[in-house]
Amino acid sequence: MPIPSCLLYDVPAARKRLLPLTFTRPIGELRVGVLTIREKWECFTRFGASCWGETYLQSLYPLQIQQDQLLLHGGLLPTMDLVRELAALPLGVALYQQDEFIAYRCSANDALAFVKGEAAPSQVKAFRGIIRFIREPWDIFRLNGEEIISDVKLLTAGRVSEPVDDPYTRVYHPEQLFIEPGARIRAAIINAEAGPVYIGKDADIQEGAILKGPLSIGEGAVVSPGSRLRGDTTIGPGCKVGGEISNSVFHSFSNKAHEGFLGNSVIGSWCNLGADTNCSNLKNNYASVKVWSYEKEAMVDTGLQFCGLIMGDHSKAGINTMFNTGTVVGVGANVFGGGFPETFIPSFSWGGPQQKWEEYQIDKMLDTTAKVMARRQLTLTSEMKEMLRHVHQLSHRNRKRFFLI
């Protein structure tokens, strides 16, 4: 039985745990590995997939509800065993593991009733295999290496890589290097011993860059001269990166083009880290890292020894910014000045540790965002503006509670 169209549903508790990244996108549009979660399901099933996010996001991520579809937990990562189980799932049956929702094969009306809490599936089946979810923001970098390996297999099966045509580039384990058409590599060192290195279409790997797998460089991304990109790292489409980066995920069109260290971190879209911005990813006492949780409205223990920076879309850091271990920065924040800022910086905050924090006025933020996007020949649409204004209102409570108004 073939798998029908997939609809990745933002389970409310899961979405809240994944803030600030899910302020501006459904869970299914989070990138982990080479692809977003939605793109993975499309590759696995060969059918279309869409995301059922918050109402204010649906103009940017429209729903595509079918009469026979799979409603999936938005943070669910596909595996072959799970896909086989879902292909055999009858209409009207939901799949759970213990008390956690996995999937529900249903009609459009049943999907709507389930999401509203008005009706339950007629039958529930237990799945006893291994399930991989993105439940917390740090799961993105924690699972990233494994997902790069899985995605590269999906994307390159039956295909032949473009050749390395530069005589000054050195490659270790070339069988694990895949280069898409239009990519440019000059005098780089590429080490794929520990995992694949995937270089997307029209990417630019500049002189002296050192790349270590598992690693994904997205379409049109630029890696600056002398960069050191360690394993388990994803550089999303259109990003520009430099310095030293380890086990981190950049979404799209974000910049860290200069020197500075970033490790065990997740950076949203349209972010900019100024020259010599550095992020601590390990406490001096080697203790487990705690971070701010939007769900708990308190600091929570990640259980991880290494955890750096979680940054929402459209946020920026000035030159020489120093982020402490386990820092969470919301959407549209502007951080600058000497010293270590707070480990939780609410959305639309403006300032730094040496001055009083202020609210980043939404009209000024939108004006800057339009200029940033125009540099990439892209437009800040009215739908994007409306979405960011809504996030500004949603995040008012955090600014009021902490230090702004």
Protein backbone atom coordinates (compact mmCIF):
# COMPACT_ATOMS: atom_id res chain seq x y z
CA MET A 1 0.00 0.00 0.00
CA PRO A 2 1.57 3.37 -0.98
CA ILE A 3 1.95 6.19 1.52
CA PRO A 4 -0.45 9.08 0.83
CA SER A 5 0.40 12.76 1.08
CA CYS A 6 1.96 13.72 4.42
CA LEU A 7 0.77 16.54 6.66
CA LEU A 8 3.26 17.46 9.39
CA TYR A 9 1.26 18.68 12.38
CA ASP A 10 2.63 21.10 14.98
CA VAL A 11 1.70 19.28 18.18
CA PRO A 12 1.22 22.30 20.52
CA ALA A 13 3.48 21.13 23.35
CA ALA A 14 6.23 20.22 20.88
CA ARG A 15 6.00 23.58 19.13
CA LYS A 16 6.33 25.44 22.43
CA ARG A 17 9.42 23.45 23.41
CA LEU A 18 11.03 24.32 20.08
CA LEU A 19 10.63 28.08 20.43
CA PRO A 20 12.13 30.50 19.39
CA LEU A 21 12.82 28.55 16.17
CA THR A 22 9.11 27.78 15.71
CA PHE A 23 7.97 31.38 16.14
CA THR A 24 8.62 31.85 12.42
CA ARG A 25 8.17 28.38 10.88
CA PRO A 26 6.26 25.15 11.46
CA ILE A 27 8.20 22.32 13.10
CA GLY A 28 8.37 20.49 9.76
CA GLU A 29 10.41 23.33 8.24
CA LEU A 30 13.24 22.90 10.74
CA ARG A 31 16.48 21.82 9.08
CA VAL A 32 18.41 18.87 10.51
CA GLY A 33 20.96 17.14 8.33
CA VAL A 34 20.92 18.29 4.70
CA LEU A 35 17.14 18.65 4.45
CA THR A 36 14.21 20.06 6.37
CA ILE A 37 11.93 17.53 8.06
CA ARG A 38 9.28 18.13 5.37
CA GLU A 39 11.81 17.57 2.57
CA LYS A 40 12.91 14.29 4.17
CA TRP A 41 9.36 12.93 4.10
CA GLU A 42 8.97 13.98 0.48
CA CYS A 43 12.17 12.11 -0.41
CA PHE A 44 11.18 8.99 1.52
CA THR A 45 7.61 8.76 0.25
CA ARG A 46 7.90 10.40 -3.21
CA PHE A 47 4.68 12.24 -2.42
CA GLY A 48 4.04 15.83 -1.48
CA ALA A 49 4.16 17.04 2.12
CA SER A 50 2.97 20.21 3.83
CA CYS A 51 3.00 21.62 7.34
CA TRP A 52 0.06 22.34 9.66
CA GLY A 53 1.46 25.17 11.75
CA GLU A 54 -0.03 28.04 13.68
CA THR A 55 -2.75 30.04 11.90
CA TYR A 56 -0.54 33.12 11.52
CA LEU A 57 2.04 31.03 9.62
CA GLN A 58 -0.34 29.49 7.09
CA SER A 59 -0.09 32.31 4.54
CA LEU A 60 3.64 31.51 4.28
CA TYR A 61 3.26 27.73 4.68
CA PRO A 62 -0.16 26.87 3.19
CA LEU A 63 -1.94 23.65 4.12
CA GLN A 64 -2.55 20.97 1.52
CA ILE A 65 -5.21 18.73 3.05
CA GLN A 66 -6.20 15.61 1.11
CA GLN A 67 -9.07 13.17 1.55
CA ASP A 68 -6.62 10.36 2.33
CA GLN A 69 -3.47 11.45 4.09
CA LEU A 70 -1.01 10.79 6.86
CA LEU A 71 -1.13 13.28 9.70
CA LEU A 72 2.36 13.11 11.25
CA HIS A 73 3.95 14.58 14.36
CA GLY A 74 5.82 17.58 12.95
CA GLY A 75 9.10 16.65 14.62
CA LEU A 76 9.11 13.04 13.42
CA LEU A 77 12.19 11.98 11.44
CA PRO A 78 11.60 9.25 8.84
CA THR A 79 13.32 5.85 8.85
CA MET A 80 12.80 2.91 6.50
CA ASP A 81 11.19 0.77 9.25
CA LEU A 82 8.76 3.54 10.12
CA VAL A 83 7.90 4.25 6.48
CA ARG A 84 7.10 0.57 5.93
CA GLU A 85 4.83 0.59 8.99
CA LEU A 86 3.05 3.73 7.80
CA ALA A 87 2.53 2.29 4.31
CA ALA A 88 0.49 -0.53 5.85
CA LEU A 89 -1.54 1.70 8.19
CA PRO A 90 -5.27 1.44 7.41
CA LEU A 91 -7.54 4.44 7.17
CA GLY A 92 -8.83 5.52 10.59
CA VAL A 93 -5.89 4.03 12.54
CA ALA A 94 -3.38 6.08 14.54
CA LEU A 95 0.14 5.07 15.48
CA TYR A 96 1.51 5.81 18.95
CA GLN A 97 4.58 4.90 20.95
CA GLN A 98 3.55 4.72 24.59
CA ASP A 99 1.58 7.98 24.98
CA GLU A 100 3.29 9.91 22.18
CA PHE A 101 1.46 10.54 18.93
CA ILE A 102 3.31 9.44 15.79
CA ALA A 103 0.85 9.34 12.89
CA TYR A 104 -2.82 9.07 11.94
CA ARG A 105 -4.11 7.95 8.55
CA CYS A 106 -7.33 9.83 8.10
CA SER A 107 -9.65 11.94 5.99
CA ALA A 108 -9.57 15.74 5.92
CA ASN A 109 -12.55 15.97 8.30
CA ASP A 110 -11.05 13.47 10.75
CA ALA A 111 -7.73 15.34 10.70
CA LEU A 112 -9.46 18.61 11.56
CA ALA A 113 -11.47 16.99 14.38
CA PHE A 114 -8.32 15.35 15.80
CA VAL A 115 -6.32 18.57 15.78
CA LYS A 116 -9.17 20.45 17.49
CA GLY A 117 -9.45 17.71 20.12
CA GLU A 118 -13.04 16.98 19.10
CA ALA A 119 -12.57 13.34 18.07
CA ALA A 120 -10.13 10.50 18.62
CA PRO A 121 -8.99 7.86 16.11
CA SER A 122 -11.25 4.82 15.89
CA GLN A 123 -8.27 2.53 16.46
CA VAL A 124 -4.77 2.96 17.95
CA LYS A 125 -1.77 0.82 17.11
CA ALA A 126 1.52 0.67 19.02
CA PHE A 127 4.83 1.08 17.20
CA ARG A 128 7.67 -0.82 18.86
CA GLY A 129 10.54 0.25 16.62
CA ILE A 130 13.03 3.06 17.10
CA ILE A 131 11.52 6.54 16.79
CA ARG A 132 13.55 9.70 16.25
CA PHE A 133 11.97 13.04 17.10
CA ILE A 134 13.11 16.63 17.18
CA ARG A 135 11.65 17.44 20.59
CA GLU A 136 14.01 20.18 21.85
CA PRO A 137 16.10 22.79 19.99
CA TRP A 138 19.32 21.04 20.96
CA ASP A 139 18.10 17.81 19.34
CA ILE A 140 18.80 19.54 16.02
CA PHE A 141 22.56 19.61 16.51
CA ARG A 142 22.58 16.44 18.62
CA LEU A 143 21.09 14.34 15.79
CA ASN A 144 22.61 16.31 12.93
CA GLY A 145 25.51 14.03 12.07
CA GLU A 146 23.27 10.96 11.76
CA GLU A 147 20.78 12.91 9.66
CA ILE A 148 23.47 14.17 7.28
CA ILE A 149 24.49 10.56 6.65
CA SER A 150 20.86 9.52 6.06
CA ASP A 151 20.04 12.49 3.83
CA VAL A 152 23.13 12.10 1.67
CA LYS A 153 22.14 8.49 0.95
CA LEU A 154 18.67 9.68 -0.06
CA LEU A 155 19.88 12.51 -2.26
CA THR A 156 22.73 10.76 -4.03
CA ALA A 157 21.41 7.22 -4.64
CA GLY A 158 22.15 6.24 -8.23
CA ARG A 159 23.85 9.55 -8.98
CA VAL A 160 27.45 10.48 -9.78
CA SER A 161 29.23 13.37 -8.08
CA GLU A 162 30.78 16.22 -10.00
CA PRO A 163 34.58 15.87 -10.07
CA VAL A 164 37.08 17.85 -8.00
CA ASP A 165 38.68 19.85 -10.80
CA ASP A 166 41.08 21.89 -8.67
CA PRO A 167 44.61 20.41 -8.45
CA TYR A 168 45.33 22.12 -5.16
CA THR A 169 42.38 20.59 -3.26
CA ARG A 170 43.16 17.51 -1.16
CA VAL A 171 40.42 14.96 -0.50
CA TYR A 172 40.52 12.08 1.99
CA HIS A 173 38.05 9.27 1.21
CA PRO A 174 36.77 10.81 -2.04
CA GLU A 175 34.07 8.11 -2.29
CA GLN A 176 32.26 9.93 0.55
CA LEU A 177 32.38 13.34 -1.16
CA PHE A 178 29.41 14.42 -3.27
CA ILE A 179 29.50 17.67 -5.25
CA GLU A 180 26.43 19.10 -6.97
CA PRO A 181 26.67 20.93 -10.34
CA GLY A 182 27.97 24.49 -10.23
CA ALA A 183 29.88 24.13 -6.95
CA ARG A 184 33.34 25.74 -6.88
CA ILE A 185 36.22 24.47 -4.71
CA ARG A 186 39.67 26.09 -4.53
CA ALA A 187 42.69 24.86 -2.53
CA ALA A 188 40.62 23.20 0.20
CA ILE A 189 41.23 20.19 2.45
CA ILE A 190 38.22 17.86 2.56
CA ASN A 191 38.29 14.97 5.03
CA ALA A 192 35.40 12.53 4.63
CA GLU A 193 36.89 9.72 6.73
CA ALA A 194 34.34 10.08 9.53
CA GLY A 195 31.32 10.71 7.32
CA PRO A 196 30.11 12.16 4.02
CA VAL A 197 30.74 15.70 2.84
CA TYR A 198 27.90 17.06 0.70
CA ILE A 199 28.48 20.27 -1.28
CA GLY A 200 25.33 21.76 -2.78
CA LYS A 201 24.64 23.37 -6.10
CA ASP A 202 26.58 26.61 -6.76
CA ALA A 203 28.27 26.53 -3.34
CA ASP A 204 31.63 28.34 -3.13
CA ILE A 205 34.40 26.74 -1.05
CA GLN A 206 37.18 29.31 -0.97
CA GLU A 207 40.94 29.00 -0.56
CA GLY A 208 42.34 27.25 2.50
CA ALA A 209 39.02 26.01 3.89
CA ILE A 210 39.16 22.79 5.91
CA LEU A 211 36.01 20.64 5.75
CA LYS A 212 35.45 17.55 7.89
CA GLY A 213 32.49 15.18 7.56
CA PRO A 214 29.75 14.50 8.27
CA LEU A 215 29.14 17.92 6.74
CA SER A 216 26.54 19.57 4.50
CA ILE A 217 27.08 22.81 2.58
CA GLY A 218 23.80 24.07 1.12
CA GLU A 219 22.98 25.49 -2.28
CA GLY A 220 24.66 28.82 -2.94
CA ALA A 221 26.47 28.86 0.41
CA VAL A 222 29.89 30.51 0.71
CA VAL A 223 32.72 29.18 2.91
CA SER A 224 35.28 31.93 3.54
CA PRO A 225 39.04 31.50 3.06
CA GLY A 226 40.73 29.64 5.93
CA SER A 227 37.47 28.41 7.48
CA ARG A 228 37.49 25.32 9.71
CA LEU A 229 34.22 23.39 9.53
CA ARG A 230 34.21 20.39 11.84
CA GLY A 231 31.93 17.37 11.59
CA ASP A 232 28.19 17.12 12.28
CA THR A 233 27.70 20.62 10.83
CA THR A 234 25.10 21.92 8.37
CA ILE A 235 25.47 25.20 6.51
CA GLY A 236 22.07 25.97 5.00
CA PRO A 237 21.29 27.42 1.57
CA GLY A 238 22.57 30.93 0.94
CA CYS A 239 24.62 31.12 4.15
CA LYS A 240 28.08 32.71 4.37
CA VAL A 241 30.38 31.24 7.01
CA GLY A 242 33.94 31.49 8.24
CA GLY A 243 36.10 30.92 11.31
CA GLU A 244 35.63 27.73 13.31
CA ILE A 245 32.29 25.92 13.41
CA SER A 246 31.61 22.58 15.10
CA ASN A 247 28.42 20.46 15.33
CA SER A 248 26.12 23.36 14.44
CA VAL A 249 23.18 23.95 12.12
CA PHE A 250 22.58 27.13 10.13
CA HIS A 251 19.17 27.38 8.50
CA SER A 252 19.17 29.69 5.43
CA PHE A 253 20.67 33.06 4.48
CA SER A 254 22.51 33.51 7.77
CA ASN A 255 26.05 34.86 8.06
CA LYS A 256 29.06 34.16 10.22
CA ALA A 257 31.60 35.15 7.62
CA HIS A 258 34.54 36.02 9.87
CA GLU A 259 36.74 34.57 12.60
CA GLY A 260 35.23 33.34 15.86
CA PHE A 261 34.08 30.00 17.29
CA LEU A 262 30.59 28.51 17.23
CA GLY A 263 29.88 25.02 18.54
CA ASN A 264 26.85 22.84 19.37
CA SER A 265 24.49 25.54 18.19
CA VAL A 266 21.40 26.19 16.06
CA ILE A 267 21.15 29.42 14.08
CA GLY A 268 17.89 30.40 12.38
CA SER A 269 17.44 32.17 9.05
CA TRP A 270 18.60 35.70 8.22
CA CYS A 271 20.89 35.94 11.26
CA ASN A 272 24.26 37.70 11.32
CA LEU A 273 27.13 37.08 13.73
CA GLY A 274 29.64 39.93 13.51
CA ALA A 275 33.42 39.53 13.24
CA ASP A 276 35.04 37.67 16.16
CA THR A 277 31.72 36.66 17.71
CA ASN A 278 32.45 33.69 19.98
CA CYS A 279 30.19 31.22 21.73
CA SER A 280 31.03 29.03 24.71
CA ASN A 281 29.72 25.49 24.36
CA LEU A 282 31.28 23.98 27.51
CA LYS A 283 31.12 25.17 31.11
CA ASN A 284 34.36 25.60 33.04
CA ASN A 285 33.23 23.01 35.58
CA TYR A 286 32.13 20.59 32.81
CA ALA A 287 28.63 20.49 34.31
CA SER A 288 25.46 19.80 32.36
CA VAL A 289 24.24 22.91 30.51
CA LYS A 290 20.95 24.59 31.43
CA VAL A 291 18.99 26.73 28.98
CA TRP A 292 15.84 28.84 28.99
CA SER A 293 12.66 26.89 28.17
CA TYR A 294 9.66 28.71 26.69
CA GLU A 295 7.48 25.79 27.77
CA LYS A 296 8.55 25.83 31.43
CA GLU A 297 9.33 29.57 31.56
CA ALA A 298 12.43 28.64 33.53
CA MET A 299 15.91 27.27 33.05
CA VAL A 300 15.94 23.54 32.28
CA ASP A 301 18.75 21.01 32.26
CA THR A 302 19.58 19.81 28.74
CA GLY A 303 21.50 16.80 30.07
CA LEU A 304 24.28 17.80 27.67
CA GLN A 305 27.85 18.72 28.49
CA PHE A 306 28.14 20.65 25.21
CA CYS A 307 25.50 23.22 24.28
CA GLY A 308 26.16 26.62 22.74
CA LEU A 309 23.78 29.13 21.15
CA ILE A 310 20.13 28.81 20.03
CA MET A 311 19.22 31.85 17.92
CA GLY A 312 15.87 32.65 16.30
CA ASP A 313 15.41 34.16 12.85
CA HIS A 314 16.50 37.72 11.99
CA SER A 315 18.68 38.16 15.09
CA LYS A 316 22.12 39.78 14.96
CA ALA A 317 25.27 40.09 17.06
CA GLY A 318 27.80 42.92 16.74
CA ILE A 319 31.54 42.42 16.48
CA ASN A 320 33.30 40.76 19.43
CA THR A 321 30.03 39.56 20.98
CA MET A 322 30.64 36.82 23.57
CA PHE A 323 27.79 34.37 24.15
CA ASN A 324 27.84 32.25 27.28
CA THR A 325 27.20 28.52 27.35
CA GLY A 326 23.56 27.65 26.65
CA THR A 327 22.37 31.08 25.45
CA VAL A 328 18.91 31.41 23.86
CA VAL A 329 18.25 34.45 21.65
CA GLY A 330 14.75 35.07 20.31
CA VAL A 331 13.58 36.44 16.95
CA GLY A 332 14.65 39.85 15.69
CA ALA A 333 17.08 40.66 18.52
CA ASN A 334 20.10 42.95 18.11
CA VAL A 335 22.93 42.18 20.57
CA PHE A 336 26.11 44.25 20.86
CA GLY A 337 28.71 45.61 23.29
CA GLY A 338 31.43 44.14 25.49
CA GLY A 339 30.99 41.47 28.13
CA PHE A 340 28.65 38.48 28.29
CA PRO A 341 24.95 39.20 27.68
CA GLU A 342 22.22 37.33 29.55
CA THR A 343 21.71 33.66 28.68
CA PHE A 344 18.13 34.43 27.65
CA ILE A 345 17.52 37.37 25.32
CA PRO A 346 13.83 37.84 24.40
CA SER A 347 12.68 38.49 20.86
CA PHE A 348 12.97 42.06 19.57
CA SER A 349 15.49 43.09 22.21
CA TRP A 350 18.05 45.79 21.48
CA GLY A 351 21.22 46.29 23.51
CA GLY A 352 23.90 44.47 25.42
CA PRO A 353 25.47 43.86 28.83
CA GLN A 354 26.87 47.38 29.18
CA GLN A 355 23.61 49.26 28.70
CA LYS A 356 19.94 49.01 29.51
CA TRP A 357 18.04 46.72 27.17
CA GLU A 358 15.37 48.33 25.01
CA GLU A 359 12.60 47.05 22.81
CA TYR A 360 13.57 46.84 19.14
CA GLN A 361 10.72 48.80 17.58
CA ILE A 362 8.98 46.62 15.02
CA ASP A 363 8.91 49.22 12.22
CA LYS A 364 12.65 49.79 12.52
CA MET A 365 13.29 46.06 12.61
CA LEU A 366 11.19 45.52 9.48
CA ASP A 367 13.02 48.32 7.68
CA THR A 368 16.37 46.68 8.44
CA THR A 369 15.05 43.26 7.44
CA ALA A 370 13.90 44.58 4.07
CA LYS A 371 17.39 45.99 3.42
CA VAL A 372 19.05 42.72 4.47
CA MET A 373 16.86 40.67 2.13
CA ALA A 374 17.30 43.12 -0.75
CA ARG A 375 21.06 42.46 -0.65
CA ARG A 376 20.21 38.87 -1.65
CA GLN A 377 17.75 40.06 -4.34
CA LEU A 378 14.81 38.92 -2.20
CA THR A 379 11.76 40.83 -1.00
CA LEU A 380 10.24 41.16 2.46
CA THR A 381 6.64 40.45 1.48
CA SER A 382 3.53 41.74 3.18
CA GLU A 383 2.86 38.20 4.46
CA MET A 384 6.31 38.10 6.08
CA LYS A 385 5.78 41.51 7.65
CA GLU A 386 2.43 40.42 9.08
CA MET A 387 4.01 37.27 10.50
CA LEU A 388 6.85 39.21 12.18
CA ARG A 389 4.39 41.74 13.64
CA HIS A 390 2.44 38.85 15.11
CA VAL A 391 5.60 37.35 16.65
CA HIS A 392 6.42 40.79 18.07
CA GLN A 393 3.06 40.78 19.86
CA LEU A 394 3.42 37.16 21.01
CA SER A 395 6.82 37.85 22.55
CA HIS A 396 5.79 41.02 24.41
CA ARG A 397 5.27 39.03 27.61
CA ASN A 398 8.87 37.85 27.67
CA ARG A 399 10.26 41.35 27.20
CA LYS A 400 8.00 42.74 29.91
CA ARG A 401 8.90 39.98 32.35
CA PHE A 402 12.65 40.23 31.96
CA PHE A 403 14.00 43.70 31.46
CA LEU A 404 12.45 45.81 28.82
CA ILE A 405 9.11 47.40 29.61
